[in-house]
N, C-alpha and C. Protein backbone atom coordinates (compact mmCIF):
# COMPACT_ATOMS: atom_id res chain seq x y z
N MET A 1 131.31 -114.91 97.81
CA MET A 1 131.11 -114.66 96.63
C MET A 1 130.97 -115.84 95.90
N ARG A 2 130.63 -116.31 94.90
CA ARG A 2 130.66 -117.67 93.95
C ARG A 2 131.42 -116.40 93.00
N GLU A 3 132.57 -117.65 92.18
CA GLU A 3 133.19 -117.16 90.83
C GLU A 3 132.08 -117.29 90.00
N ARG A 4 132.02 -116.31 88.85
CA ARG A 4 131.38 -116.30 87.91
C ARG A 4 132.16 -116.09 86.40
N GLY A 5 131.88 -116.46 85.45
CA GLY A 5 132.30 -115.93 83.95
C GLY A 5 132.68 -114.98 83.96
N PRO A 6 133.39 -114.56 83.48
CA PRO A 6 133.60 -112.87 83.07
C PRO A 6 132.60 -112.45 81.98
N GLU A 7 131.66 -112.99 81.47
CA GLU A 7 130.50 -112.62 80.43
C GLU A 7 129.50 -111.76 81.63
N GLN A 8 129.29 -113.22 82.33
CA GLN A 8 128.33 -112.60 83.39
C GLN A 8 128.62 -111.28 84.07
N GLN A 9 129.72 -111.66 84.60
CA GLN A 9 130.18 -110.62 85.50
C GLN A 9 129.72 -108.94 84.51
N GLU A 10 130.55 -109.17 83.40
CA GLU A 10 130.73 -107.95 82.30
C GLU A 10 129.30 -107.45 82.24
N ILE A 11 127.89 -108.02 82.40
CA ILE A 11 126.51 -107.99 81.88
C ILE A 11 125.78 -107.47 83.17
N GLU A 12 126.73 -107.99 84.50
CA GLU A 12 126.32 -107.22 86.01
C GLU A 12 126.46 -105.60 86.01
N THR A 13 127.98 -106.02 85.53
CA THR A 13 128.54 -104.63 85.82
C THR A 13 128.05 -103.32 85.38
N ASP A 14 127.94 -103.91 83.84
CA ASP A 14 127.03 -102.92 82.88
C ASP A 14 125.71 -102.40 83.80
N ALA A 15 125.11 -103.42 83.64
CA ALA A 15 123.69 -102.89 84.68
C ALA A 15 123.57 -101.86 85.78
N GLU A 16 124.79 -102.78 86.90
CA GLU A 16 124.95 -101.57 87.33
C GLU A 16 125.36 -100.10 87.74
N ARG A 17 126.13 -100.14 86.32
CA ARG A 17 126.97 -98.66 86.10
C ARG A 17 125.75 -97.73 85.83
N ARG A 18 124.20 -98.25 84.92
CA ARG A 18 123.14 -98.36 84.21
C ARG A 18 122.48 -97.73 85.50
N ARG A 19 122.57 -98.73 86.73
CA ARG A 19 121.73 -98.31 87.92
C ARG A 19 122.06 -96.66 88.48
N ARG A 20 123.07 -97.02 88.94
CA ARG A 20 123.85 -95.36 89.70
C ARG A 20 123.62 -94.59 88.52
N ARG A 21 124.04 -94.90 87.13
CA ARG A 21 123.68 -93.73 86.33
C ARG A 21 122.37 -92.82 86.71
N ALA A 22 121.34 -93.96 86.76
CA ALA A 22 120.15 -93.20 86.41
C ALA A 22 119.94 -92.82 88.10
N GLN A 23 120.58 -93.15 89.15
CA GLN A 23 120.17 -92.48 90.27
C GLN A 23 120.71 -91.43 90.37
N PHE A 24 122.26 -91.18 90.39
CA PHE A 24 122.69 -89.84 90.01
C PHE A 24 122.10 -88.96 88.99
N LEU A 25 121.48 -88.86 87.93
CA LEU A 25 120.81 -87.91 87.20
C LEU A 25 119.63 -87.55 87.71
N ARG A 26 118.57 -88.44 88.26
CA ARG A 26 117.42 -88.68 89.26
C ARG A 26 117.75 -87.43 90.64
N GLU A 27 118.79 -87.68 90.93
CA GLU A 27 119.82 -86.86 92.01
C GLU A 27 119.79 -85.11 91.65
N LEU A 28 120.85 -85.46 90.44
CA LEU A 28 120.64 -84.12 89.88
C LEU A 28 119.72 -83.68 89.69
N ASN A 29 119.02 -83.69 88.75
CA ASN A 29 117.89 -83.04 88.74
C ASN A 29 116.83 -82.28 89.79
N GLU A 30 116.68 -83.17 90.63
CA GLU A 30 116.13 -82.64 92.30
C GLU A 30 116.88 -81.65 92.51
N ALA A 31 118.24 -81.81 92.46
CA ALA A 31 118.84 -80.91 93.42
C ALA A 31 118.86 -79.58 92.03
N LYS A 32 118.69 -79.54 91.04
CA LYS A 32 118.78 -78.34 90.43
C LYS A 32 117.47 -77.54 90.70
N ALA A 33 116.18 -78.68 90.55
CA ALA A 33 114.78 -78.06 90.94
C ALA A 33 114.97 -77.83 92.06
N LEU A 34 115.58 -77.91 93.31
CA LEU A 34 115.60 -77.62 94.41
C LEU A 34 116.37 -75.90 94.59
N ARG A 35 117.45 -75.84 93.63
CA ARG A 35 117.64 -74.76 93.48
C ARG A 35 116.98 -73.75 92.78
N ASP A 36 116.46 -73.89 91.72
CA ASP A 36 115.33 -72.89 91.29
C ASP A 36 114.75 -72.64 91.92
N ARG A 37 114.07 -73.06 93.05
CA ARG A 37 113.29 -72.94 94.08
C ARG A 37 113.58 -72.23 94.84
N VAL A 38 115.06 -72.20 95.81
CA VAL A 38 115.36 -71.42 96.55
C VAL A 38 116.07 -70.62 96.10
N GLN A 39 116.71 -70.12 94.87
CA GLN A 39 117.22 -68.84 94.09
C GLN A 39 116.34 -68.42 92.77
N PRO A 40 115.61 -68.11 93.04
CA PRO A 40 114.62 -68.09 91.53
C PRO A 40 115.41 -67.16 90.92
N ARG A 41 115.77 -65.83 90.82
CA ARG A 41 116.29 -65.07 90.23
C ARG A 41 117.80 -65.68 89.51
N ARG A 42 118.63 -65.97 90.36
CA ARG A 42 120.16 -66.34 89.89
C ARG A 42 119.53 -68.00 88.43
N ALA A 43 118.42 -68.46 88.99
CA ALA A 43 117.90 -69.94 88.25
C ALA A 43 117.55 -68.99 86.76
N ARG A 44 116.50 -67.83 87.27
CA ARG A 44 115.94 -67.29 85.90
C ARG A 44 117.01 -66.91 84.87
N ALA A 45 118.45 -66.18 85.71
CA ALA A 45 119.37 -65.75 84.88
C ALA A 45 119.88 -66.76 84.51
N ALA A 46 119.86 -67.95 84.58
CA ALA A 46 121.08 -69.14 83.94
C ALA A 46 120.06 -69.74 82.86
N ARG A 47 118.50 -69.99 82.89
CA ARG A 47 117.67 -69.80 82.34
C ARG A 47 118.14 -69.36 80.94
N MET A 48 117.88 -68.00 80.99
CA MET A 48 118.33 -66.94 80.17
C MET A 48 119.36 -67.08 79.52
N ARG A 49 120.40 -67.68 80.29
CA ARG A 49 121.99 -67.56 79.50
C ARG A 49 121.69 -68.68 78.56
N GLN A 50 121.15 -69.63 79.08
CA GLN A 50 121.29 -71.28 78.27
C GLN A 50 120.62 -70.41 77.14
N GLN A 51 119.07 -70.14 76.50
CA GLN A 51 118.85 -69.90 75.77
C GLN A 51 118.93 -69.00 74.47
N MET A 52 119.98 -68.17 75.00
CA MET A 52 121.09 -67.17 74.37
C MET A 52 122.15 -68.58 73.85
N ARG A 53 122.78 -68.99 74.72
CA ARG A 53 123.78 -70.09 74.35
C ARG A 53 123.27 -70.70 72.99
N MET A 54 121.79 -71.63 73.34
CA MET A 54 121.06 -72.45 71.95
C MET A 54 120.64 -71.45 71.10
N ARG A 55 120.53 -70.52 71.26
CA ARG A 55 119.74 -69.12 70.27
C ARG A 55 121.10 -69.08 69.34
N THR A 56 122.77 -68.75 69.50
CA THR A 56 123.40 -68.44 69.04
C THR A 56 124.20 -70.33 68.21
N PHE A 57 124.05 -71.13 69.13
CA PHE A 57 124.59 -72.10 68.67
C PHE A 57 124.35 -72.54 67.21
N ARG A 58 125.24 -72.94 66.36
CA ARG A 58 125.00 -72.96 65.36
C ARG A 58 125.09 -74.59 64.82
N TRP A 59 124.40 -75.74 63.93
CA TRP A 59 124.13 -76.53 63.66
C TRP A 59 125.25 -77.03 62.68
């Protein structure tokens, strides 16, 4: 690898981190969708719990 200045390396690291995070979030959403299809009853119960949580949350 070539030697780089610290500022360029920092920018590249930040971009790489954002790319990895986006990939992770895509895979997480895929996994949630798959789980919802495979276990509809449990997914429905989880949705209801989430709605209740949002209703009782105070701003």
